[in-house]
Amino acid sequence: MAAQTWNIDPSHSHIQFAVRHMVISKVRGRFNKFSGSLSFDPAAPQSGSVQATIEVDSIDTTDEKRDGHLKSPDFFDAAKFSTLTFKSTGITGSGSDLKVTGDLTIHGVTKSVTLDVESLGGGKDPWGGERQGFSAKTTINRQEFGLTWSQTLETGGLLVGDKIEIELDIEAVKA
């Protein structure tokens, strides 16, 4: 079987993140609008590729004021940098445990990141299509992408942590 194109199904997929707040807790959020596709052959996943685009304005932390601040020039500067993008440069691993390395662009800065990916399998859906599922995780340092705003607390910690934990649950439909 050769690699085939699969489109991300945004209604059955999630892009989530978590960041430390005041050193004592984590704030979680998600992006609600994104698109992408992958070239995937379950028998030879290393030959595949992934590309995705995320709309910054779709950020949702369940706090409208915080979301507005994240869209501002202090963070993502959504008016200037309206999307985040990922384009794979290589896939390694075998079976259900894969590593997908690629170029992640946030705030106009591109860095190589590696996602730990679990291939969850696939099958036919009730509407005659075929689907594949994936779960992925990575951690980035927001400072490396130019997202540098924070405040120092009187205890010495930062209001907003630098480490961002990213989790993806992706369901893709065969094109």
C-alpha atoms as a PDB file:
ATOM      1  CA  MET A   1       0.000   0.000   0.000  1.00  0.00           C
ATOM      2  CA  ALA A   2       1.397   3.415  -0.925  1.00  0.00           C
ATOM      3  CA  ALA A   3       1.070   6.545   1.183  1.00  0.00           C
ATOM      4  CA  GLN A   4      -2.344   8.138   0.830  1.00  0.00           C
ATOM      5  CA  THR A   5      -3.652  11.589   1.718  1.00  0.00           C
ATOM      6  CA  TRP A   6      -5.718  11.992   4.877  1.00  0.00           C
ATOM      7  CA  ASN A   7      -7.374  15.266   5.924  1.00  0.00           C
ATOM      8  CA  ILE A   8      -7.628  16.286   9.569  1.00  0.00           C
ATOM      9  CA  ASP A   9     -11.231  16.192  10.764  1.00  0.00           C
ATOM     10  CA  PRO A  10     -11.450  19.281  13.015  1.00  0.00           C
ATOM     11  CA  SER A  11     -14.752  18.221  14.576  1.00  0.00           C
ATOM     12  CA  HIS A  12     -13.099  15.048  15.937  1.00  0.00           C
ATOM     13  CA  SER A  13      -9.631  16.442  16.666  1.00  0.00           C
ATOM     14  CA  HIS A  14      -8.183  18.650  19.401  1.00  0.00           C
ATOM     15  CA  ILE A  15      -5.111  20.858  19.763  1.00  0.00           C
ATOM     16  CA  GLN A  16      -4.514  21.669  23.424  1.00  0.00           C
ATOM     17  CA  PHE A  17      -1.798  23.267  25.520  1.00  0.00           C
ATOM     18  CA  ALA A  18      -0.875  23.848  29.152  1.00  0.00           C
ATOM     19  CA  VAL A  19       1.401  26.435  30.771  1.00  0.00           C
ATOM     20  CA  ARG A  20       2.326  27.143  34.389  1.00  0.00           C
ATOM     21  CA  HIS A  21       0.581  30.116  35.990  1.00  0.00           C
ATOM     22  CA  MET A  22       2.249  31.773  38.969  1.00  0.00           C
ATOM     23  CA  VAL A  23       4.391  28.641  39.383  1.00  0.00           C
ATOM     24  CA  ILE A  24       1.554  27.029  41.387  1.00  0.00           C
ATOM     25  CA  SER A  25      -0.922  25.811  38.774  1.00  0.00           C
ATOM     26  CA  LYS A  26      -1.415  25.162  35.085  1.00  0.00           C
ATOM     27  CA  VAL A  27      -3.675  27.034  32.711  1.00  0.00           C
ATOM     28  CA  ARG A  28      -4.996  24.948  29.841  1.00  0.00           C
ATOM     29  CA  GLY A  29      -6.311  26.067  26.516  1.00  0.00           C
ATOM     30  CA  ARG A  30      -6.999  24.965  23.002  1.00  0.00           C
ATOM     31  CA  PHE A  31      -7.260  26.172  19.456  1.00  0.00           C
ATOM     32  CA  ASN A  32     -10.684  25.681  17.893  1.00  0.00           C
ATOM     33  CA  LYS A  33      -9.890  26.328  14.202  1.00  0.00           C
ATOM     34  CA  PHE A  34      -7.230  24.404  12.339  1.00  0.00           C
ATOM     35  CA  SER A  35      -6.717  22.384   9.182  1.00  0.00           C
ATOM     36  CA  GLY A  36      -4.157  20.016   7.812  1.00  0.00           C
ATOM     37  CA  SER A  37      -3.387  16.830   6.027  1.00  0.00           C
ATOM     38  CA  LEU A  38      -1.057  13.911   6.200  1.00  0.00           C
ATOM     39  CA  SER A  39       0.395  11.490   3.757  1.00  0.00           C
ATOM     40  CA  PHE A  40       0.275   8.145   5.527  1.00  0.00           C
ATOM     41  CA  ASP A  41       0.838   4.481   4.805  1.00  0.00           C
ATOM     42  CA  PRO A  42       0.185   2.358   7.917  1.00  0.00           C
ATOM     43  CA  ALA A  43       2.643  -0.251   6.593  1.00  0.00           C
ATOM     44  CA  ALA A  44       5.432   2.343   6.132  1.00  0.00           C
ATOM     45  CA  PRO A  45       4.734   5.384   8.355  1.00  0.00           C
ATOM     46  CA  GLN A  46       8.313   6.697   7.922  1.00  0.00           C
ATOM     47  CA  SER A  47       7.486   7.572   4.305  1.00  0.00           C
ATOM     48  CA  GLY A  48       4.701   9.934   5.363  1.00  0.00           C
ATOM     49  CA  SER A  49       4.415  13.641   5.980  1.00  0.00           C
ATOM     50  CA  VAL A  50       2.247  16.071   7.953  1.00  0.00           C
ATOM     51  CA  GLN A  51       1.261  19.708   7.506  1.00  0.00           C
ATOM     52  CA  ALA A  52      -1.111  21.785   9.615  1.00  0.00           C
ATOM     53  CA  THR A  53      -2.263  25.381  10.060  1.00  0.00           C
ATOM     54  CA  ILE A  54      -3.794  26.757  13.257  1.00  0.00           C
ATOM     55  CA  GLU A  55      -5.733  30.038  13.475  1.00  0.00           C
ATOM     56  CA  VAL A  56      -4.439  32.130  16.388  1.00  0.00           C
ATOM     57  CA  ASP A  57      -7.784  33.952  16.774  1.00  0.00           C
ATOM     58  CA  SER A  58      -9.384  30.619  17.703  1.00  0.00           C
ATOM     59  CA  ILE A  59      -7.467  30.373  20.995  1.00  0.00           C
ATOM     60  CA  ASP A  60      -9.749  29.432  23.891  1.00  0.00           C
ATOM     61  CA  THR A  61      -8.673  29.299  27.540  1.00  0.00           C
ATOM     62  CA  THR A  62     -12.256  29.733  28.821  1.00  0.00           C
ATOM     63  CA  ASP A  63     -11.399  33.305  29.841  1.00  0.00           C
ATOM     64  CA  GLU A  64     -12.231  35.967  27.252  1.00  0.00           C
ATOM     65  CA  LYS A  65      -9.959  38.595  28.817  1.00  0.00           C
ATOM     66  CA  ARG A  66      -6.989  36.206  28.913  1.00  0.00           C
ATOM     67  CA  ASP A  67      -7.695  35.102  25.318  1.00  0.00           C
ATOM     68  CA  GLY A  68      -7.640  38.758  24.245  1.00  0.00           C
ATOM     69  CA  HIS A  69      -4.291  39.270  25.987  1.00  0.00           C
ATOM     70  CA  LEU A  70      -2.869  36.145  24.291  1.00  0.00           C
ATOM     71  CA  LYS A  71      -3.950  37.513  20.881  1.00  0.00           C
ATOM     72  CA  SER A  72      -2.322  40.892  21.620  1.00  0.00           C
ATOM     73  CA  PRO A  73       1.228  41.984  20.694  1.00  0.00           C
ATOM     74  CA  ASP A  74       2.326  40.878  24.200  1.00  0.00           C
ATOM     75  CA  PHE A  75       2.015  37.259  23.029  1.00  0.00           C
ATOM     76  CA  PHE A  76       0.891  35.919  19.638  1.00  0.00           C
ATOM     77  CA  ASP A  77       0.204  39.299  17.971  1.00  0.00           C
ATOM     78  CA  ALA A  78      -2.645  37.735  15.993  1.00  0.00           C
ATOM     79  CA  ALA A  79      -3.097  40.848  13.822  1.00  0.00           C
ATOM     80  CA  LYS A  80       0.437  40.386  12.482  1.00  0.00           C
ATOM     81  CA  PHE A  81       0.881  36.596  12.835  1.00  0.00           C
ATOM     82  CA  SER A  82      -2.555  35.098  12.236  1.00  0.00           C
ATOM     83  CA  THR A  83      -1.502  31.447  12.016  1.00  0.00           C
ATOM     84  CA  LEU A  84       0.774  28.855  13.540  1.00  0.00           C
ATOM     85  CA  THR A  85       2.073  26.238  11.105  1.00  0.00           C
ATOM     86  CA  PHE A  86       3.732  22.838  11.258  1.00  0.00           C
ATOM     87  CA  LYS A  87       5.379  20.991   8.369  1.00  0.00           C
ATOM     88  CA  SER A  88       7.094  17.669   8.980  1.00  0.00           C
ATOM     89  CA  THR A  89      10.668  17.063   7.887  1.00  0.00           C
ATOM     90  CA  GLY A  90      10.936  13.416   8.921  1.00  0.00           C
ATOM     91  CA  ILE A  91       9.246  10.490  10.633  1.00  0.00           C
ATOM     92  CA  THR A  92      11.014   7.752  12.585  1.00  0.00           C
ATOM     93  CA  GLY A  93       9.896   4.816  14.678  1.00  0.00           C
ATOM     94  CA  SER A  94       7.797   1.785  13.954  1.00  0.00           C
ATOM     95  CA  GLY A  95       4.485   0.252  14.833  1.00  0.00           C
ATOM     96  CA  SER A  96       2.309   2.595  16.846  1.00  0.00           C
ATOM     97  CA  ASP A  97       5.228   4.584  18.375  1.00  0.00           C
ATOM     98  CA  LEU A  98       6.489   7.296  16.045  1.00  0.00           C
ATOM     99  CA  LYS A  99       8.482  10.500  16.246  1.00  0.00           C
ATOM    100  CA  VAL A 100       7.481  13.236  13.823  1.00  0.00           C
ATOM    101  CA  THR A 101      10.043  16.013  13.452  1.00  0.00           C
ATOM    102  CA  GLY A 102       9.128  19.214  11.677  1.00  0.00           C
ATOM    103  CA  ASP A 103       9.251  22.977  11.420  1.00  0.00           C
ATOM    104  CA  LEU A 104       6.891  24.755  13.813  1.00  0.00           C
ATOM    105  CA  THR A 105       6.292  28.445  13.112  1.00  0.00           C
ATOM    106  CA  ILE A 106       4.871  30.639  15.868  1.00  0.00           C
ATOM    107  CA  HIS A 107       4.990  34.446  15.945  1.00  0.00           C
ATOM    108  CA  GLY A 108       7.057  34.440  12.722  1.00  0.00           C
ATOM    109  CA  VAL A 109       9.779  32.239  14.268  1.00  0.00           C
ATOM    110  CA  THR A 110      10.443  28.743  12.912  1.00  0.00           C
ATOM    111  CA  LYS A 111      12.058  26.041  15.044  1.00  0.00           C
ATOM    112  CA  SER A 112      12.437  22.299  14.657  1.00  0.00           C
ATOM    113  CA  VAL A 113      10.345  20.286  17.120  1.00  0.00           C
ATOM    114  CA  THR A 114       9.733  16.583  17.574  1.00  0.00           C
ATOM    115  CA  LEU A 115       6.326  15.169  18.417  1.00  0.00           C
ATOM    116  CA  ASP A 116       5.985  11.836  20.207  1.00  0.00           C
ATOM    117  CA  VAL A 117       3.161  10.244  18.235  1.00  0.00           C
ATOM    118  CA  GLU A 118       1.051   7.198  18.942  1.00  0.00           C
ATOM    119  CA  SER A 119      -0.741   5.789  15.921  1.00  0.00           C
ATOM    120  CA  LEU A 120      -4.106   4.641  17.257  1.00  0.00           C
ATOM    121  CA  GLY A 121      -5.151   2.643  14.205  1.00  0.00           C
ATOM    122  CA  GLY A 122      -7.955   3.122  11.769  1.00  0.00           C
ATOM    123  CA  GLY A 123     -11.031   1.742  10.158  1.00  0.00           C
ATOM    124  CA  LYS A 124     -14.177   2.432   8.191  1.00  0.00           C
ATOM    125  CA  ASP A 125     -16.682   4.946   9.500  1.00  0.00           C
ATOM    126  CA  PRO A 126     -20.493   4.597   9.223  1.00  0.00           C
ATOM    127  CA  TRP A 127     -20.559   6.986   6.238  1.00  0.00           C
ATOM    128  CA  GLY A 128     -18.321   4.910   3.949  1.00  0.00           C
ATOM    129  CA  GLY A 129     -15.072   6.741   4.669  1.00  0.00           C
ATOM    130  CA  GLU A 130     -11.841   5.560   6.194  1.00  0.00           C
ATOM    131  CA  ARG A 131     -10.287   7.141   9.298  1.00  0.00           C
ATOM    132  CA  GLN A 132      -6.969   7.035  11.147  1.00  0.00           C
ATOM    133  CA  GLY A 133      -6.322   8.260  14.680  1.00  0.00           C
ATOM    134  CA  PHE A 134      -3.195   9.736  16.271  1.00  0.00           C
ATOM    135  CA  SER A 135      -2.235  11.145  19.637  1.00  0.00           C
ATOM    136  CA  ALA A 136       0.846  13.392  19.915  1.00  0.00           C
ATOM    137  CA  LYS A 137       2.767  15.330  22.568  1.00  0.00           C
ATOM    138  CA  THR A 138       5.653  17.754  22.676  1.00  0.00           C
ATOM    139  CA  THR A 139       6.977  20.511  24.883  1.00  0.00           C
ATOM    140  CA  ILE A 140       8.375  23.825  23.641  1.00  0.00           C
ATOM    141  CA  ASN A 141       9.907  26.888  25.246  1.00  0.00           C
ATOM    142  CA  ARG A 142       7.745  29.892  24.310  1.00  0.00           C
ATOM    143  CA  GLN A 143      10.735  32.261  24.675  1.00  0.00           C
ATOM    144  CA  GLU A 144      12.385  30.565  21.675  1.00  0.00           C
ATOM    145  CA  PHE A 145       9.423  31.646  19.531  1.00  0.00           C
ATOM    146  CA  GLY A 146       9.511  35.295  20.608  1.00  0.00           C
ATOM    147  CA  LEU A 147       6.678  34.973  23.132  1.00  0.00           C
ATOM    148  CA  THR A 148       8.578  36.675  25.940  1.00  0.00           C
ATOM    149  CA  TRP A 149       5.986  38.642  27.956  1.00  0.00           C
ATOM    150  CA  SER A 150       5.672  37.795  31.644  1.00  0.00           C
ATOM    151  CA  GLN A 151       5.899  39.422  35.043  1.00  0.00           C
ATOM    152  CA  THR A 152       8.126  38.521  37.955  1.00  0.00           C
ATOM    153  CA  LEU A 153       6.227  37.711  41.123  1.00  0.00           C
ATOM    154  CA  GLU A 154       7.340  38.985  44.524  1.00  0.00           C
ATOM    155  CA  THR A 155       8.267  35.371  45.340  1.00  0.00           C
ATOM    156  CA  GLY A 156      10.703  35.415  42.387  1.00  0.00           C
ATOM    157  CA  GLY A 157       8.748  33.123  40.076  1.00  0.00           C
ATOM    158  CA  LEU A 158       7.154  34.111  36.788  1.00  0.00           C
ATOM    159  CA  LEU A 159       3.471  34.852  36.229  1.00  0.00           C
ATOM    160  CA  VAL A 160       3.599  32.856  32.965  1.00  0.00           C
ATOM    161  CA  GLY A 161       5.902  29.846  32.661  1.00  0.00           C
ATOM    162  CA  ASP A 162       8.182  29.325  29.685  1.00  0.00           C
ATOM    163  CA  LYS A 163       7.458  25.627  29.119  1.00  0.00           C
ATOM    164  CA  ILE A 164       4.387  24.935  26.970  1.00  0.00           C
ATOM    165  CA  GLU A 165       3.046  21.375  26.910  1.00  0.00           C
ATOM    166  CA  ILE A 166       1.234  20.618  23.654  1.00  0.00           C
ATOM    167  CA  GLU A 167      -1.117  17.687  23.110  1.00  0.00           C
ATOM    168  CA  LEU A 168      -2.896  16.728  19.923  1.00  0.00           C
ATOM    169  CA  ASP A 169      -5.641  14.201  19.320  1.00  0.00           C
ATOM    170  CA  ILE A 170      -6.085  13.868  15.591  1.00  0.00           C
ATOM    171  CA  GLU A 171      -8.658  11.961  13.577  1.00  0.00           C
ATOM    172  CA  ALA A 172      -7.976  12.030   9.855  1.00  0.00           C
ATOM    173  CA  VAL A 173     -10.277  11.063   6.984  1.00  0.00           C
ATOM    174  CA  LYS A 174      -8.946   9.498   3.794  1.00  0.00           C
ATOM    175  CA  ALA A 175      -9.210  12.005   0.951  1.00  0.00           C
END
